[in-house]
Amino acid sequence: MVQMHEWLREVCAELALDPHVVESTAEQLLALVGQVAHGPTRPGAPLTAFLVGLSAGAAGRELDTATTARAVTERAEAVERLVASRTAR
């Protein structure tokens, strides 16, 4: 996990992103990717995380770090509900 966090900090620096958003949402996003990978579609798991981030980014262009992190969390929770509904079928 240390290596992952170091890598993500480097990526944030390269992309001019606030690393606190990643740090505050990483655990939930990793759990979401695991749920998608072991549920509806393994190859769709990383792209699902991308879509959550894309959606949060579109909503949070002018928002502070805490609000952006909350936007990621809300979208991840929405996708988690979708995964749960598909798993229940």
PDB file of N, CA and C in Angstrom:
ATOM      1  N   MET A   1       0.819  -1.197   0.000  1.00  0.00           N
ATOM      2  CA  MET A   1       0.000   0.000   0.000  1.00  0.00           C
ATOM      3  C   MET A   1       0.866   1.264   0.000  1.00  0.00           C
ATOM      4  N   VAL A   2       2.026   1.186   0.621  1.00  0.00           N
ATOM      5  CA  VAL A   2       2.916   2.349   0.644  1.00  0.00           C
ATOM      6  C   VAL A   2       3.302   2.722  -0.783  1.00  0.00           C
ATOM      7  N   GLN A   3       3.645   1.714  -1.561  1.00  0.00           N
ATOM      8  CA  GLN A   3       4.034   1.957  -2.953  1.00  0.00           C
ATOM      9  C   GLN A   3       2.873   2.577  -3.730  1.00  0.00           C
ATOM     10  N   MET A   4       1.648   2.096  -3.492  1.00  0.00           N
ATOM     11  CA  MET A   4       0.484   2.641  -4.174  1.00  0.00           C
ATOM     12  C   MET A   4       0.304   4.119  -3.828  1.00  0.00           C
ATOM     13  N   HIS A   5       0.401   4.444  -2.537  1.00  0.00           N
ATOM     14  CA  HIS A   5       0.210   5.829  -2.113  1.00  0.00           C
ATOM     15  C   HIS A   5       1.300   6.748  -2.678  1.00  0.00           C
ATOM     16  N   GLU A   6       2.528   6.261  -2.719  1.00  0.00           N
ATOM     17  CA  GLU A   6       3.610   7.053  -3.321  1.00  0.00           C
ATOM     18  C   GLU A   6       3.314   7.311  -4.796  1.00  0.00           C
ATOM     19  N   TRP A   7       2.887   6.254  -5.496  1.00  0.00           N
ATOM     20  CA  TRP A   7       2.562   6.374  -6.908  1.00  0.00           C
ATOM     21  C   TRP A   7       1.434   7.379  -7.109  1.00  0.00           C
ATOM     22  N   LEU A   8       0.384   7.286  -6.326  1.00  0.00           N
ATOM     23  CA  LEU A   8      -0.761   8.187  -6.478  1.00  0.00           C
ATOM     24  C   LEU A   8      -0.381   9.641  -6.199  1.00  0.00           C
ATOM     25  N   ARG A   9       0.508   9.865  -5.229  1.00  0.00           N
ATOM     26  CA  ARG A   9       0.987  11.229  -4.978  1.00  0.00           C
ATOM     27  C   ARG A   9       1.738  11.768  -6.191  1.00  0.00           C
ATOM     28  N   GLU A  10       2.554  10.914  -6.811  1.00  0.00           N
ATOM     29  CA  GLU A  10       3.288  11.334  -8.009  1.00  0.00           C
ATOM     30  C   GLU A  10       2.326  11.660  -9.151  1.00  0.00           C
ATOM     31  N   VAL A  11       1.309  10.814  -9.324  1.00  0.00           N
ATOM     32  CA  VAL A  11       0.327  11.048 -10.383  1.00  0.00           C
ATOM     33  C   VAL A  11      -0.420  12.358 -10.122  1.00  0.00           C
ATOM     34  N   CYS A  12      -0.813  12.586  -8.879  1.00  0.00           N
ATOM     35  CA  CYS A  12      -1.501  13.841  -8.536  1.00  0.00           C
ATOM     36  C   CYS A  12      -0.628  15.044  -8.856  1.00  0.00           C
ATOM     37  N   ALA A  13       0.644  14.953  -8.516  1.00  0.00           N
ATOM     38  CA  ALA A  13       1.557  16.058  -8.815  1.00  0.00           C
ATOM     39  C   ALA A  13       1.661  16.277 -10.320  1.00  0.00           C
ATOM     40  N   GLU A  14       1.779  15.211 -11.060  1.00  0.00           N
ATOM     41  CA  GLU A  14       1.905  15.308 -12.512  1.00  0.00           C
ATOM     42  C   GLU A  14       0.651  15.899 -13.147  1.00  0.00           C
ATOM     43  N   LEU A  15      -0.511  15.554 -12.609  1.00  0.00           N
ATOM     44  CA  LEU A  15      -1.782  16.009 -13.180  1.00  0.00           C
ATOM     45  C   LEU A  15      -2.325  17.266 -12.502  1.00  0.00           C
ATOM     46  N   ALA A  16      -1.555  17.834 -11.593  1.00  0.00           N
ATOM     47  CA  ALA A  16      -1.960  19.038 -10.855  1.00  0.00           C
ATOM     48  C   ALA A  16      -3.280  18.832 -10.119  1.00  0.00           C
ATOM     49  N   LEU A  17      -3.376  17.696  -9.432  1.00  0.00           N
ATOM     50  CA  LEU A  17      -4.553  17.371  -8.628  1.00  0.00           C
ATOM     51  C   LEU A  17      -4.197  17.416  -7.152  1.00  0.00           C
ATOM     52  N   ASP A  18      -5.171  17.719  -6.333  1.00  0.00           N
ATOM     53  CA  ASP A  18      -4.982  17.745  -4.886  1.00  0.00           C
ATOM     54  C   ASP A  18      -4.919  16.305  -4.372  1.00  0.00           C
ATOM     55  N   PRO A  19      -3.793  15.865  -3.813  1.00  0.00           N
ATOM     56  CA  PRO A  19      -3.667  14.485  -3.348  1.00  0.00           C
ATOM     57  C   PRO A  19      -4.604  14.143  -2.199  1.00  0.00           C
ATOM     58  N   HIS A  20      -5.131  15.144  -1.501  1.00  0.00           N
ATOM     59  CA  HIS A  20      -6.038  14.863  -0.391  1.00  0.00           C
ATOM     60  C   HIS A  20      -7.348  14.244  -0.861  1.00  0.00           C
ATOM     61  N   VAL A  21      -7.762  14.561  -2.082  1.00  0.00           N
ATOM     62  CA  VAL A  21      -8.977  13.948  -2.623  1.00  0.00           C
ATOM     63  C   VAL A  21      -8.766  12.448  -2.761  1.00  0.00           C
ATOM     64  N   VAL A  22      -7.620  12.055  -3.297  1.00  0.00           N
ATOM     65  CA  VAL A  22      -7.322  10.631  -3.455  1.00  0.00           C
ATOM     66  C   VAL A  22      -7.183   9.962  -2.088  1.00  0.00           C
ATOM     67  N   GLU A  23      -6.448  10.605  -1.202  1.00  0.00           N
ATOM     68  CA  GLU A  23      -6.218  10.023   0.121  1.00  0.00           C
ATOM     69  C   GLU A  23      -7.522   9.803   0.876  1.00  0.00           C
ATOM     70  N   SER A  24      -8.473  10.717   0.712  1.00  0.00           N
ATOM     71  CA  SER A  24      -9.723  10.599   1.461  1.00  0.00           C
ATOM     72  C   SER A  24     -10.735   9.669   0.807  1.00  0.00           C
ATOM     73  N   THR A  25     -10.507   9.255  -0.438  1.00  0.00           N
ATOM     74  CA  THR A  25     -11.468   8.393  -1.126  1.00  0.00           C
ATOM     75  C   THR A  25     -10.880   7.059  -1.581  1.00  0.00           C
ATOM     76  N   ALA A  26      -9.585   6.860  -1.416  1.00  0.00           N
ATOM     77  CA  ALA A  26      -8.921   5.660  -1.947  1.00  0.00           C
ATOM     78  C   ALA A  26      -9.522   4.368  -1.410  1.00  0.00           C
ATOM     79  N   GLU A  27      -9.755   4.302  -0.130  1.00  0.00           N
ATOM     80  CA  GLU A  27     -10.279   3.061   0.459  1.00  0.00           C
ATOM     81  C   GLU A  27     -11.642   2.709  -0.150  1.00  0.00           C
ATOM     82  N   GLN A  28     -12.507   3.691  -0.255  1.00  0.00           N
ATOM     83  CA  GLN A  28     -13.837   3.438  -0.810  1.00  0.00           C
ATOM     84  C   GLN A  28     -13.760   3.063  -2.293  1.00  0.00           C
ATOM     85  N   LEU A  29     -12.906   3.741  -3.046  1.00  0.00           N
ATOM     86  CA  LEU A  29     -12.791   3.425  -4.463  1.00  0.00           C
ATOM     87  C   LEU A  29     -12.195   2.039  -4.691  1.00  0.00           C
ATOM     88  N   LEU A  30     -11.224   1.663  -3.864  1.00  0.00           N
ATOM     89  CA  LEU A  30     -10.660   0.316  -3.987  1.00  0.00           C
ATOM     90  C   LEU A  30     -11.726  -0.737  -3.677  1.00  0.00           C
ATOM     91  N   ALA A  31     -12.544  -0.475  -2.671  1.00  0.00           N
ATOM     92  CA  ALA A  31     -13.634  -1.401  -2.336  1.00  0.00           C
ATOM     93  C   ALA A  31     -14.631  -1.482  -3.493  1.00  0.00           C
ATOM     94  N   LEU A  32     -14.940  -0.338  -4.078  1.00  0.00           N
ATOM     95  CA  LEU A  32     -15.874  -0.310  -5.209  1.00  0.00           C
ATOM     96  C   LEU A  32     -15.330  -1.123  -6.382  1.00  0.00           C
ATOM     97  N   VAL A  33     -14.071  -0.927  -6.712  1.00  0.00           N
ATOM     98  CA  VAL A  33     -13.457  -1.677  -7.807  1.00  0.00           C
ATOM     99  C   VAL A  33     -13.535  -3.177  -7.523  1.00  0.00           C
ATOM    100  N   GLY A  34     -13.285  -3.576  -6.272  1.00  0.00           N
ATOM    101  CA  GLY A  34     -13.392  -4.983  -5.905  1.00  0.00           C
ATOM    102  C   GLY A  34     -14.801  -5.517  -6.067  1.00  0.00           C
ATOM    103  N   GLN A  35     -15.790  -4.710  -5.671  1.00  0.00           N
ATOM    104  CA  GLN A  35     -17.187  -5.139  -5.805  1.00  0.00           C
ATOM    105  C   GLN A  35     -17.570  -5.320  -7.268  1.00  0.00           C
ATOM    106  N   VAL A  36     -17.162  -4.378  -8.100  1.00  0.00           N
ATOM    107  CA  VAL A  36     -17.493  -4.475  -9.524  1.00  0.00           C
ATOM    108  C   VAL A  36     -16.756  -5.657 -10.148  1.00  0.00           C
ATOM    109  N   ALA A  37     -15.484  -5.812  -9.811  1.00  0.00           N
ATOM    110  CA  ALA A  37     -14.687  -6.897 -10.388  1.00  0.00           C
ATOM    111  C   ALA A  37     -15.207  -8.276 -10.003  1.00  0.00           C
ATOM    112  N   HIS A  38     -15.740  -8.397  -8.806  1.00  0.00           N
ATOM    113  CA  HIS A  38     -16.251  -9.692  -8.352  1.00  0.00           C
ATOM    114  C   HIS A  38     -17.757  -9.814  -8.532  1.00  0.00           C
ATOM    115  N   GLY A  39     -18.353  -8.799  -9.141  1.00  0.00           N
ATOM    116  CA  GLY A  39     -19.787  -8.810  -9.384  1.00  0.00           C
ATOM    117  C   GLY A  39     -20.081  -8.735 -10.866  1.00  0.00           C
ATOM    118  N   PRO A  40     -20.531  -7.571 -11.322  1.00  0.00           N
ATOM    119  CA  PRO A  40     -21.008  -7.465 -12.699  1.00  0.00           C
ATOM    120  C   PRO A  40     -19.952  -7.683 -13.778  1.00  0.00           C
ATOM    121  N   THR A  41     -18.717  -7.150 -13.592  1.00  0.00           N
ATOM    122  CA  THR A  41     -17.742  -7.252 -14.680  1.00  0.00           C
ATOM    123  C   THR A  41     -16.327  -6.934 -14.209  1.00  0.00           C
ATOM    124  N   ARG A  42     -15.456  -7.914 -14.314  1.00  0.00           N
ATOM    125  CA  ARG A  42     -14.061  -7.713 -13.915  1.00  0.00           C
ATOM    126  C   ARG A  42     -13.366  -6.655 -14.785  1.00  0.00           C
ATOM    127  N   PRO A  43     -13.450  -6.753 -16.127  1.00  0.00           N
ATOM    128  CA  PRO A  43     -12.748  -5.760 -16.934  1.00  0.00           C
ATOM    129  C   PRO A  43     -13.342  -4.362 -16.812  1.00  0.00           C
ATOM    130  N   GLY A  44     -14.577  -4.252 -16.369  1.00  0.00           N
ATOM    131  CA  GLY A  44     -15.202  -2.944 -16.227  1.00  0.00           C
ATOM    132  C   GLY A  44     -14.859  -2.233 -14.936  1.00  0.00           C
ATOM    133  N   ALA A  45     -14.168  -2.906 -14.016  1.00  0.00           N
ATOM    134  CA  ALA A  45     -13.881  -2.326 -12.701  1.00  0.00           C
ATOM    135  C   ALA A  45     -13.045  -1.043 -12.772  1.00  0.00           C
ATOM    136  N   PRO A  46     -11.913  -1.030 -13.456  1.00  0.00           N
ATOM    137  CA  PRO A  46     -11.138   0.216 -13.486  1.00  0.00           C
ATOM    138  C   PRO A  46     -11.864   1.334 -14.227  1.00  0.00           C
ATOM    139  N   LEU A  47     -12.612   0.976 -15.258  1.00  0.00           N
ATOM    140  CA  LEU A  47     -13.347   2.002 -15.991  1.00  0.00           C
ATOM    141  C   LEU A  47     -14.500   2.552 -15.157  1.00  0.00           C
ATOM    142  N   THR A  48     -15.063   1.730 -14.288  1.00  0.00           N
ATOM    143  CA  THR A  48     -16.097   2.223 -13.377  1.00  0.00           C
ATOM    144  C   THR A  48     -15.515   3.280 -12.449  1.00  0.00           C
ATOM    145  N   ALA A  49     -14.325   3.025 -11.907  1.00  0.00           N
ATOM    146  CA  ALA A  49     -13.671   4.017 -11.049  1.00  0.00           C
ATOM    147  C   ALA A  49     -13.392   5.294 -11.833  1.00  0.00           C
ATOM    148  N   PHE A  50     -12.988   5.149 -13.078  1.00  0.00           N
ATOM    149  CA  PHE A  50     -12.762   6.311 -13.926  1.00  0.00           C
ATOM    150  C   PHE A  50     -14.052   7.113 -14.103  1.00  0.00           C
ATOM    151  N   LEU A  51     -15.164   6.420 -14.350  1.00  0.00           N
ATOM    152  CA  LEU A  51     -16.438   7.110 -14.547  1.00  0.00           C
ATOM    153  C   LEU A  51     -16.888   7.835 -13.285  1.00  0.00           C
ATOM    154  N   VAL A  52     -16.662   7.228 -12.117  1.00  0.00           N
ATOM    155  CA  VAL A  52     -16.984   7.897 -10.850  1.00  0.00           C
ATOM    156  C   VAL A  52     -16.174   9.182 -10.735  1.00  0.00           C
ATOM    157  N   GLY A  53     -14.889   9.101 -11.019  1.00  0.00           N
ATOM    158  CA  GLY A  53     -14.033  10.285 -10.952  1.00  0.00           C
ATOM    159  C   GLY A  53     -14.393  11.331 -11.989  1.00  0.00           C
ATOM    160  N   LEU A  54     -14.716  10.883 -13.196  1.00  0.00           N
ATOM    161  CA  LEU A  54     -15.099  11.804 -14.258  1.00  0.00           C
ATOM    162  C   LEU A  54     -16.368  12.558 -13.871  1.00  0.00           C
ATOM    163  N   SER A  55     -17.332  11.840 -13.341  1.00  0.00           N
ATOM    164  CA  SER A  55     -18.585  12.458 -12.921  1.00  0.00           C
ATOM    165  C   SER A  55     -18.361  13.452 -11.782  1.00  0.00           C
ATOM    166  N   ALA A  56     -17.567  13.045 -10.802  1.00  0.00           N
ATOM    167  CA  ALA A  56     -17.283  13.942  -9.677  1.00  0.00           C
ATOM    168  C   ALA A  56     -16.504  15.162 -10.146  1.00  0.00           C
ATOM    169  N   GLY A  57     -15.578  14.962 -11.050  1.00  0.00           N
ATOM    170  CA  GLY A  57     -14.795  16.079 -11.571  1.00  0.00           C
ATOM    171  C   GLY A  57     -15.650  17.072 -12.333  1.00  0.00           C
ATOM    172  N   ALA A  58     -16.584  16.555 -13.114  1.00  0.00           N
ATOM    173  CA  ALA A  58     -17.474  17.442 -13.866  1.00  0.00           C
ATOM    174  C   ALA A  58     -18.335  18.265 -12.918  1.00  0.00           C
ATOM    175  N   ALA A  59     -18.744  17.655 -11.822  1.00  0.00           N
ATOM    176  CA  ALA A  59     -19.584  18.361 -10.854  1.00  0.00           C
ATOM    177  C   ALA A  59     -18.764  19.296  -9.979  1.00  0.00           C
ATOM    178  N   GLY A  60     -17.481  18.993  -9.800  1.00  0.00           N
ATOM    179  CA  GLY A  60     -16.693  19.729  -8.835  1.00  0.00           C
ATOM    180  C   GLY A  60     -15.629  20.639  -9.392  1.00  0.00           C
ATOM    181  N   ARG A  61     -15.780  21.109 -10.589  1.00  0.00           N
ATOM    182  CA  ARG A  61     -14.752  21.950 -11.215  1.00  0.00           C
ATOM    183  C   ARG A  61     -14.361  23.145 -10.378  1.00  0.00           C
ATOM    184  N   GLU A  62     -15.326  23.753  -9.742  1.00  0.00           N
ATOM    185  CA  GLU A  62     -15.057  24.967  -8.968  1.00  0.00           C
ATOM    186  C   GLU A  62     -15.108  24.704  -7.467  1.00  0.00           C
ATOM    187  N   LEU A  63     -15.086  23.442  -7.057  1.00  0.00           N
ATOM    188  CA  LEU A  63     -15.291  23.108  -5.652  1.00  0.00           C
ATOM    189  C   LEU A  63     -13.978  22.914  -4.913  1.00  0.00           C
ATOM    190  N   ASP A  64     -14.042  23.042  -3.601  1.00  0.00           N
ATOM    191  CA  ASP A  64     -12.862  22.809  -2.780  1.00  0.00           C
ATOM    192  C   ASP A  64     -12.623  21.310  -2.617  1.00  0.00           C
ATOM    193  N   THR A  65     -11.526  20.965  -1.994  1.00  0.00           N
ATOM    194  CA  THR A  65     -11.125  19.565  -1.843  1.00  0.00           C
ATOM    195  C   THR A  65     -12.176  18.735  -1.120  1.00  0.00           C
ATOM    196  N   ALA A  66     -12.685  19.229  -0.017  1.00  0.00           N
ATOM    197  CA  ALA A  66     -13.661  18.459   0.764  1.00  0.00           C
ATOM    198  C   ALA A  66     -14.926  18.206  -0.037  1.00  0.00           C
ATOM    199  N   THR A  67     -15.383  19.197  -0.771  1.00  0.00           N
ATOM    200  CA  THR A  67     -16.599  19.037  -1.567  1.00  0.00           C
ATOM    201  C   THR A  67     -16.366  18.079  -2.726  1.00  0.00           C
ATOM    202  N   THR A  68     -15.202  18.158  -3.337  1.00  0.00           N
ATOM    203  CA  THR A  68     -14.869  17.234  -4.422  1.00  0.00           C
ATOM    204  C   THR A  68     -14.796  15.811  -3.900  1.00  0.00           C
ATOM    205  N   ALA A  69     -14.154  15.618  -2.754  1.00  0.00           N
ATOM    206  CA  ALA A  69     -14.081  14.280  -2.151  1.00  0.00           C
ATOM    207  C   ALA A  69     -15.478  13.755  -1.844  1.00  0.00           C
ATOM    208  N   ARG A  70     -16.345  14.630  -1.362  1.00  0.00           N
ATOM    209  CA  ARG A  70     -17.725  14.221  -1.073  1.00  0.00           C
ATOM    210  C   ARG A  70     -18.437  13.827  -2.366  1.00  0.00           C
ATOM    211  N   ALA A  71     -18.178  14.530  -3.456  1.00  0.00           N
ATOM    212  CA  ALA A  71     -18.779  14.195  -4.745  1.00  0.00           C
ATOM    213  C   ALA A  71     -18.323  12.815  -5.212  1.00  0.00           C
ATOM    214  N   VAL A  72     -17.037  12.507  -5.028  1.00  0.00           N
ATOM    215  CA  VAL A  72     -16.535  11.170  -5.371  1.00  0.00           C
ATOM    216  C   VAL A  72     -17.241  10.121  -4.519  1.00  0.00           C
ATOM    217  N   THR A  73     -17.322  10.379  -3.217  1.00  0.00           N
ATOM    218  CA  THR A  73     -17.958   9.432  -2.298  1.00  0.00           C
ATOM    219  C   THR A  73     -19.411   9.184  -2.683  1.00  0.00           C
ATOM    220  N   GLU A  74     -20.151  10.236  -2.973  1.00  0.00           N
ATOM    221  CA  GLU A  74     -21.564  10.082  -3.340  1.00  0.00           C
ATOM    222  C   GLU A  74     -21.716   9.257  -4.607  1.00  0.00           C
ATOM    223  N   ARG A  75     -20.859   9.485  -5.581  1.00  0.00           N
ATOM    224  CA  ARG A  75     -20.955   8.731  -6.827  1.00  0.00           C
ATOM    225  C   ARG A  75     -20.520   7.285  -6.640  1.00  0.00           C
ATOM    226  N   ALA A  76     -19.514   7.063  -5.831  1.00  0.00           N
ATOM    227  CA  ALA A  76     -19.091   5.688  -5.533  1.00  0.00           C
ATOM    228  C   ALA A  76     -20.211   4.942  -4.827  1.00  0.00           C
ATOM    229  N   GLU A  77     -20.887   5.586  -3.898  1.00  0.00           N
ATOM    230  CA  GLU A  77     -22.009   4.954  -3.196  1.00  0.00           C
ATOM    231  C   GLU A  77     -23.138   4.618  -4.169  1.00  0.00           C
ATOM    232  N   ALA A  78     -23.396   5.488  -5.126  1.00  0.00           N
ATOM    233  CA  ALA A  78     -24.437   5.222  -6.120  1.00  0.00           C
ATOM    234  C   ALA A  78     -24.095   3.981  -6.941  1.00  0.00           C
ATOM    235  N   VAL A  79     -22.825   3.855  -7.323  1.00  0.00           N
ATOM    236  CA  VAL A  79     -22.405   2.693  -8.100  1.00  0.00           C
ATOM    237  C   VAL A  79     -22.441   1.442  -7.225  1.00  0.00           C
ATOM    238  N   GLU A  80     -22.071   1.568  -5.949  1.00  0.00           N
ATOM    239  CA  GLU A  80     -22.148   0.425  -5.034  1.00  0.00           C
ATOM    240  C   GLU A  80     -23.586  -0.081  -4.942  1.00  0.00           C
ATOM    241  N   ARG A  81     -24.562   0.826  -4.892  1.00  0.00           N
ATOM    242  CA  ARG A  81     -25.971   0.415  -4.862  1.00  0.00           C
ATOM    243  C   ARG A  81     -26.332  -0.317  -6.147  1.00  0.00           C
ATOM    244  N   LEU A  82     -25.821   0.151  -7.274  1.00  0.00           N
ATOM    245  CA  LEU A  82     -26.065  -0.513  -8.548  1.00  0.00           C
ATOM    246  C   LEU A  82     -25.484  -1.916  -8.545  1.00  0.00           C
ATOM    247  N   VAL A  83     -24.247  -2.056  -8.050  1.00  0.00           N
ATOM    248  CA  VAL A  83     -23.611  -3.374  -7.969  1.00  0.00           C
ATOM    249  C   VAL A  83     -24.448  -4.292  -7.087  1.00  0.00           C
ATOM    250  N   ALA A  84     -24.885  -3.796  -5.946  1.00  0.00           N
ATOM    251  CA  ALA A  84     -25.687  -4.611  -5.025  1.00  0.00           C
ATOM    252  C   ALA A  84     -26.982  -5.058  -5.673  1.00  0.00           C
ATOM    253  N   SER A  85     -27.617  -4.178  -6.435  1.00  0.00           N
ATOM    254  CA  SER A  85     -28.882  -4.553  -7.075  1.00  0.00           C
ATOM    255  C   SER A  85     -28.662  -5.614  -8.150  1.00  0.00           C
ATOM    256  N   ARG A  86     -27.543  -5.561  -8.836  1.00  0.00           N
ATOM    257  CA  ARG A  86     -27.243  -6.573  -9.866  1.00  0.00           C
ATOM    258  C   ARG A  86     -26.868  -7.886  -9.235  1.00  0.00           C
ATOM    259  N   THR A  87     -26.198  -7.836  -8.083  1.00  0.00           N
ATOM    260  CA  THR A  87     -25.788  -9.051  -7.394  1.00  0.00           C
ATOM    261  C   THR A  87     -27.009  -9.765  -6.807  1.00  0.00           C
ATOM    262  N   ALA A  88     -27.999  -8.991  -6.422  1.00  0.00           N
ATOM    263  CA  ALA A  88     -29.203  -9.556  -5.792  1.00  0.00           C
ATOM    264  C   ALA A  88     -30.095 -10.278  -6.791  1.00  0.00           C
ATOM    265  N   ARG A  89     -29.868 -10.066  -8.050  1.00  0.00           N
ATOM    266  CA  ARG A  89     -30.719 -10.708  -9.082  1.00  0.00           C
ATOM    267  C   ARG A  89     -30.516 -12.172  -9.174  1.00  0.00           C
TER     268      ARG A  89
END
